[in-house]
Amino acid sequence: MAIIQTIILLIGVYQGAFLAHRLLSFIWLYFLRRPSLNKYLTGPAPYALITGSTHGAGKSIAQELYRRGFNIIIHSRTEEKTKRVAEEIKAMGMGRDVRYFTVDVSKADLDVPKLLQPFQDLNITLVINYAGGTPIKVTRYFTYITLSYPTILTLFLGLMSVLPKSLWKPLG
């Protein structure tokens, strides 16, 4: 009988410790932890590039990053939407730079170096991809590999923002 009581006690202690850990993790995450976004606010005039940022989560993130001190580069497929959102963000009155570009990332003829040319001298420290897109199929030795152009775009933009500028200046 004592063994059963000990096992039940150990299960209760384990369950209590597990719940205490979850509660403390919640308190740490939502109340005590300092935001880590500031580590991307480095260097002269840090820029955040947000793709797919004319509506929904992408737009909200662009607005919040602007509020938090970033210069913003937004992206969308349609010129008028992107320009309107850029003007909305500028109207928030923080005095920082807001730039935009339009490109349909699902097109197969995407020229990334040409796309990046206007931004190559900027200090892009954060890249967030919200651009949708249609996956394309690439046939190689009868095996189908699915590539997504938004993923490729983010890979290149992220790579360009991380590499030293001396390595990626001659892009064309």
C-alpha atoms as a PDB file:
ATOM      1  CA  MET A   1       0.000   0.000   0.000  1.00  0.00           C
ATOM      2  CA  ALA A   2       2.861   2.391   0.796  1.00  0.00           C
ATOM      3  CA  ILE A   3       4.372   1.801  -2.653  1.00  0.00           C
ATOM      4  CA  ILE A   4       1.133   2.824  -4.382  1.00  0.00           C
ATOM      5  CA  GLN A   5       0.927   5.966  -2.241  1.00  0.00           C
ATOM      6  CA  THR A   6       4.546   6.824  -3.108  1.00  0.00           C
ATOM      7  CA  ILE A   7       3.895   6.333  -6.828  1.00  0.00           C
ATOM      8  CA  ILE A   8       0.778   8.512  -6.681  1.00  0.00           C
ATOM      9  CA  LEU A   9       2.730  11.152  -4.717  1.00  0.00           C
ATOM     10  CA  LEU A  10       5.537  11.144  -7.319  1.00  0.00           C
ATOM     11  CA  ILE A  11       3.017  11.468 -10.152  1.00  0.00           C
ATOM     12  CA  GLY A  12       1.418  14.407  -8.324  1.00  0.00           C
ATOM     13  CA  VAL A  13       4.790  16.077  -7.739  1.00  0.00           C
ATOM     14  CA  TYR A  14       5.713  15.595 -11.401  1.00  0.00           C
ATOM     15  CA  GLN A  15       2.356  17.009 -12.535  1.00  0.00           C
ATOM     16  CA  GLY A  16       2.698  19.973 -10.158  1.00  0.00           C
ATOM     17  CA  ALA A  17       6.231  20.698 -11.376  1.00  0.00           C
ATOM     18  CA  PHE A  18       5.084  20.472 -14.988  1.00  0.00           C
ATOM     19  CA  LEU A  19       2.223  22.942 -14.421  1.00  0.00           C
ATOM     20  CA  ALA A  20       4.487  25.283 -12.433  1.00  0.00           C
ATOM     21  CA  HIS A  21       6.983  25.236 -15.305  1.00  0.00           C
ATOM     22  CA  ARG A  22       4.257  26.086 -17.818  1.00  0.00           C
ATOM     23  CA  LEU A  23       2.983  28.925 -15.634  1.00  0.00           C
ATOM     24  CA  LEU A  24       6.464  30.370 -15.129  1.00  0.00           C
ATOM     25  CA  SER A  25       7.205  30.074 -18.866  1.00  0.00           C
ATOM     26  CA  PHE A  26       3.998  31.981 -19.619  1.00  0.00           C
ATOM     27  CA  ILE A  27       4.881  34.728 -17.126  1.00  0.00           C
ATOM     28  CA  TRP A  28       8.418  34.964 -18.537  1.00  0.00           C
ATOM     29  CA  LEU A  29       7.295  35.104 -22.159  1.00  0.00           C
ATOM     30  CA  TYR A  30       4.468  37.613 -21.811  1.00  0.00           C
ATOM     31  CA  PHE A  31       5.448  39.783 -18.841  1.00  0.00           C
ATOM     32  CA  LEU A  32       9.156  39.642 -17.972  1.00  0.00           C
ATOM     33  CA  ARG A  33      11.126  39.013 -21.172  1.00  0.00           C
ATOM     34  CA  ARG A  34      12.525  42.053 -22.916  1.00  0.00           C
ATOM     35  CA  PRO A  35      11.704  42.296 -26.622  1.00  0.00           C
ATOM     36  CA  SER A  36      14.459  40.976 -28.871  1.00  0.00           C
ATOM     37  CA  LEU A  37      13.454  43.162 -31.824  1.00  0.00           C
ATOM     38  CA  ASN A  38      15.917  45.857 -30.777  1.00  0.00           C
ATOM     39  CA  LYS A  39      18.864  43.691 -31.810  1.00  0.00           C
ATOM     40  CA  TYR A  40      17.849  44.355 -35.433  1.00  0.00           C
ATOM     41  CA  LEU A  41      17.860  48.130 -34.930  1.00  0.00           C
ATOM     42  CA  THR A  42      21.598  48.322 -35.577  1.00  0.00           C
ATOM     43  CA  GLY A  43      23.752  50.471 -37.774  1.00  0.00           C
ATOM     44  CA  PRO A  44      22.802  53.608 -39.628  1.00  0.00           C
ATOM     45  CA  ALA A  45      19.142  53.770 -40.617  1.00  0.00           C
ATOM     46  CA  PRO A  46      18.074  50.123 -40.221  1.00  0.00           C
ATOM     47  CA  TYR A  47      15.497  48.919 -42.726  1.00  0.00           C
ATOM     48  CA  ALA A  48      12.937  46.141 -42.453  1.00  0.00           C
ATOM     49  CA  LEU A  49      11.723  44.582 -45.692  1.00  0.00           C
ATOM     50  CA  ILE A  50       8.260  43.050 -45.500  1.00  0.00           C
ATOM     51  CA  THR A  51       6.945  41.181 -48.526  1.00  0.00           C
ATOM     52  CA  GLY A  52       3.198  40.823 -49.067  1.00  0.00           C
ATOM     53  CA  SER A  53       2.564  43.818 -46.858  1.00  0.00           C
ATOM     54  CA  THR A  54      -0.506  45.548 -48.291  1.00  0.00           C
ATOM     55  CA  HIS A  55      -3.093  43.766 -46.155  1.00  0.00           C
ATOM     56  CA  GLY A  56      -3.528  41.509 -43.172  1.00  0.00           C
ATOM     57  CA  ALA A  57      -0.615  40.427 -41.029  1.00  0.00           C
ATOM     58  CA  GLY A  58       2.033  41.788 -43.398  1.00  0.00           C
ATOM     59  CA  LYS A  59       0.547  45.285 -43.256  1.00  0.00           C
ATOM     60  CA  SER A  60       0.175  45.168 -39.475  1.00  0.00           C
ATOM     61  CA  ILE A  61       3.754  44.032 -39.039  1.00  0.00           C
ATOM     62  CA  ALA A  62       5.017  46.788 -41.350  1.00  0.00           C
ATOM     63  CA  GLN A  63       3.112  49.404 -39.318  1.00  0.00           C
ATOM     64  CA  GLU A  64       4.372  48.030 -36.014  1.00  0.00           C
ATOM     65  CA  LEU A  65       7.990  47.877 -37.177  1.00  0.00           C
ATOM     66  CA  TYR A  66       7.689  51.474 -38.354  1.00  0.00           C
ATOM     67  CA  ARG A  67       6.358  52.446 -34.923  1.00  0.00           C
ATOM     68  CA  ARG A  68       9.258  50.629 -33.288  1.00  0.00           C
ATOM     69  CA  GLY A  69      11.932  52.570 -35.176  1.00  0.00           C
ATOM     70  CA  PHE A  70      12.582  50.831 -38.481  1.00  0.00           C
ATOM     71  CA  ASN A  71      12.642  52.387 -41.907  1.00  0.00           C
ATOM     72  CA  ILE A  72      10.341  50.249 -44.020  1.00  0.00           C
ATOM     73  CA  ILE A  73      10.446  48.666 -47.465  1.00  0.00           C
ATOM     74  CA  ILE A  74       7.112  47.123 -48.379  1.00  0.00           C
ATOM     75  CA  HIS A  75       6.271  44.824 -51.249  1.00  0.00           C
ATOM     76  CA  SER A  76       3.147  43.762 -53.087  1.00  0.00           C
ATOM     77  CA  ARG A  77       2.012  42.712 -56.542  1.00  0.00           C
ATOM     78  CA  THR A  78      -0.063  45.804 -57.311  1.00  0.00           C
ATOM     79  CA  GLU A  79       1.375  49.318 -57.599  1.00  0.00           C
ATOM     80  CA  GLU A  80      -1.677  51.243 -56.378  1.00  0.00           C
ATOM     81  CA  LYS A  81      -2.182  49.136 -53.237  1.00  0.00           C
ATOM     82  CA  THR A  82       1.487  49.295 -52.349  1.00  0.00           C
ATOM     83  CA  LYS A  83       1.658  53.047 -52.866  1.00  0.00           C
ATOM     84  CA  ARG A  84      -1.486  53.551 -50.766  1.00  0.00           C
ATOM     85  CA  VAL A  85      -0.116  51.485 -47.882  1.00  0.00           C
ATOM     86  CA  ALA A  86       3.248  53.280 -48.082  1.00  0.00           C
ATOM     87  CA  GLU A  87       1.412  56.606 -47.782  1.00  0.00           C
ATOM     88  CA  GLU A  88      -0.622  55.288 -44.839  1.00  0.00           C
ATOM     89  CA  ILE A  89       2.547  54.280 -43.039  1.00  0.00           C
ATOM     90  CA  LYS A  90       4.223  57.622 -43.800  1.00  0.00           C
ATOM     91  CA  ALA A  91       1.116  59.380 -42.444  1.00  0.00           C
ATOM     92  CA  MET A  92       1.832  57.836 -39.046  1.00  0.00           C
ATOM     93  CA  GLY A  93       4.267  60.740 -38.720  1.00  0.00           C
ATOM     94  CA  MET A  94       7.434  59.140 -37.397  1.00  0.00           C
ATOM     95  CA  GLY A  95       9.643  60.834 -40.002  1.00  0.00           C
ATOM     96  CA  ARG A  96      11.367  57.679 -41.142  1.00  0.00           C
ATOM     97  CA  ASP A  97      11.801  56.425 -44.683  1.00  0.00           C
ATOM     98  CA  VAL A  98       9.132  54.266 -46.323  1.00  0.00           C
ATOM     99  CA  ARG A  99       9.928  52.689 -49.671  1.00  0.00           C
ATOM    100  CA  TYR A 100       8.078  50.162 -51.748  1.00  0.00           C
ATOM    101  CA  PHE A 101       8.436  47.928 -54.748  1.00  0.00           C
ATOM    102  CA  THR A 102       6.027  45.848 -56.739  1.00  0.00           C
ATOM    103  CA  VAL A 103       6.728  42.478 -58.280  1.00  0.00           C
ATOM    104  CA  ASP A 104       4.756  39.298 -58.736  1.00  0.00           C
ATOM    105  CA  VAL A 105       7.008  36.737 -57.072  1.00  0.00           C
ATOM    106  CA  SER A 106       5.149  33.844 -58.684  1.00  0.00           C
ATOM    107  CA  LYS A 107       6.450  34.776 -62.143  1.00  0.00           C
ATOM    108  CA  ALA A 108       9.191  32.557 -63.510  1.00  0.00           C
ATOM    109  CA  ASP A 109      11.194  35.457 -64.988  1.00  0.00           C
ATOM    110  CA  LEU A 110      12.019  37.068 -61.644  1.00  0.00           C
ATOM    111  CA  ASP A 111      15.345  38.943 -61.907  1.00  0.00           C
ATOM    112  CA  VAL A 112      16.500  39.203 -58.278  1.00  0.00           C
ATOM    113  CA  PRO A 113      19.679  41.268 -58.883  1.00  0.00           C
ATOM    114  CA  LYS A 114      17.687  43.857 -60.835  1.00  0.00           C
ATOM    115  CA  LEU A 115      15.009  43.811 -58.151  1.00  0.00           C
ATOM    116  CA  LEU A 116      17.565  44.481 -55.416  1.00  0.00           C
ATOM    117  CA  GLN A 117      19.456  47.203 -57.261  1.00  0.00           C
ATOM    118  CA  PRO A 118      17.575  50.181 -55.707  1.00  0.00           C
ATOM    119  CA  PHE A 119      18.107  48.794 -52.204  1.00  0.00           C
ATOM    120  CA  GLN A 120      21.729  47.657 -52.314  1.00  0.00           C
ATOM    121  CA  ASP A 121      23.069  50.626 -50.321  1.00  0.00           C
ATOM    122  CA  LEU A 122      20.468  50.293 -47.562  1.00  0.00           C
ATOM    123  CA  ASN A 123      21.095  48.729 -44.186  1.00  0.00           C
ATOM    124  CA  ILE A 124      18.450  45.976 -44.374  1.00  0.00           C
ATOM    125  CA  THR A 125      18.606  44.232 -41.015  1.00  0.00           C
ATOM    126  CA  LEU A 126      15.273  42.397 -40.987  1.00  0.00           C
ATOM    127  CA  VAL A 127      13.385  40.529 -43.730  1.00  0.00           C
ATOM    128  CA  ILE A 128       9.873  39.183 -43.178  1.00  0.00           C
ATOM    129  CA  ASN A 129       8.175  37.196 -45.927  1.00  0.00           C
ATOM    130  CA  TYR A 130       4.390  37.302 -46.182  1.00  0.00           C
ATOM    131  CA  ALA A 131       4.215  37.086 -49.964  1.00  0.00           C
ATOM    132  CA  GLY A 132       2.043  34.320 -51.254  1.00  0.00           C
ATOM    133  CA  GLY A 133       2.723  32.566 -54.479  1.00  0.00           C
ATOM    134  CA  THR A 134       2.097  29.509 -56.503  1.00  0.00           C
ATOM    135  CA  PRO A 135       4.668  26.755 -56.192  1.00  0.00           C
ATOM    136  CA  ILE A 136       6.264  25.715 -59.441  1.00  0.00           C
ATOM    137  CA  LYS A 137       7.479  22.257 -60.345  1.00  0.00           C
ATOM    138  CA  VAL A 138      10.996  21.724 -61.559  1.00  0.00           C
ATOM    139  CA  THR A 139      11.721  18.434 -63.269  1.00  0.00           C
ATOM    140  CA  ARG A 140      15.150  17.000 -62.651  1.00  0.00           C
ATOM    141  CA  TYR A 141      15.914  13.392 -63.474  1.00  0.00           C
ATOM    142  CA  PHE A 142      12.194  12.533 -63.288  1.00  0.00           C
ATOM    143  CA  THR A 143      11.952  13.763 -59.694  1.00  0.00           C
ATOM    144  CA  TYR A 144       9.611  16.601 -58.843  1.00  0.00           C
ATOM    145  CA  ILE A 145      10.991  19.282 -56.583  1.00  0.00           C
ATOM    146  CA  THR A 146       8.629  22.013 -55.462  1.00  0.00           C
ATOM    147  CA  LEU A 147      10.169  25.466 -55.249  1.00  0.00           C
ATOM    148  CA  SER A 148       8.318  28.530 -54.086  1.00  0.00           C
ATOM    149  CA  TYR A 149       9.383  31.881 -55.482  1.00  0.00           C
ATOM    150  CA  PRO A 150       8.560  33.712 -52.222  1.00  0.00           C
ATOM    151  CA  THR A 151      10.984  31.386 -50.490  1.00  0.00           C
ATOM    152  CA  ILE A 152      13.634  32.075 -53.115  1.00  0.00           C
ATOM    153  CA  LEU A 153      12.996  35.834 -52.868  1.00  0.00           C
ATOM    154  CA  THR A 154      13.329  35.734 -49.091  1.00  0.00           C
ATOM    155  CA  LEU A 155      16.471  33.652 -49.344  1.00  0.00           C
ATOM    156  CA  PHE A 156      18.107  36.171 -51.668  1.00  0.00           C
ATOM    157  CA  LEU A 157      16.932  39.251 -49.799  1.00  0.00           C
ATOM    158  CA  GLY A 158      17.946  37.750 -46.472  1.00  0.00           C
ATOM    159  CA  LEU A 159      21.327  36.764 -47.872  1.00  0.00           C
ATOM    160  CA  MET A 160      21.876  40.222 -49.281  1.00  0.00           C
ATOM    161  CA  SER A 161      21.045  41.835 -45.939  1.00  0.00           C
ATOM    162  CA  VAL A 162      23.452  39.612 -44.019  1.00  0.00           C
ATOM    163  CA  LEU A 163      26.478  39.580 -46.310  1.00  0.00           C
ATOM    164  CA  PRO A 164      28.971  42.436 -46.067  1.00  0.00           C
ATOM    165  CA  LYS A 165      28.149  45.109 -48.614  1.00  0.00           C
ATOM    166  CA  SER A 166      31.556  44.776 -50.242  1.00  0.00           C
ATOM    167  CA  LEU A 167      30.622  41.246 -51.322  1.00  0.00           C
ATOM    168  CA  TRP A 168      27.285  42.055 -52.942  1.00  0.00           C
ATOM    169  CA  LYS A 169      27.661  45.560 -54.362  1.00  0.00           C
ATOM    170  CA  PRO A 170      28.430  44.509 -57.962  1.00  0.00           C
ATOM    171  CA  LEU A 171      25.071  42.902 -58.678  1.00  0.00           C
ATOM    172  CA  GLY A 172      24.410  43.578 -62.307  1.00  0.00           C
END
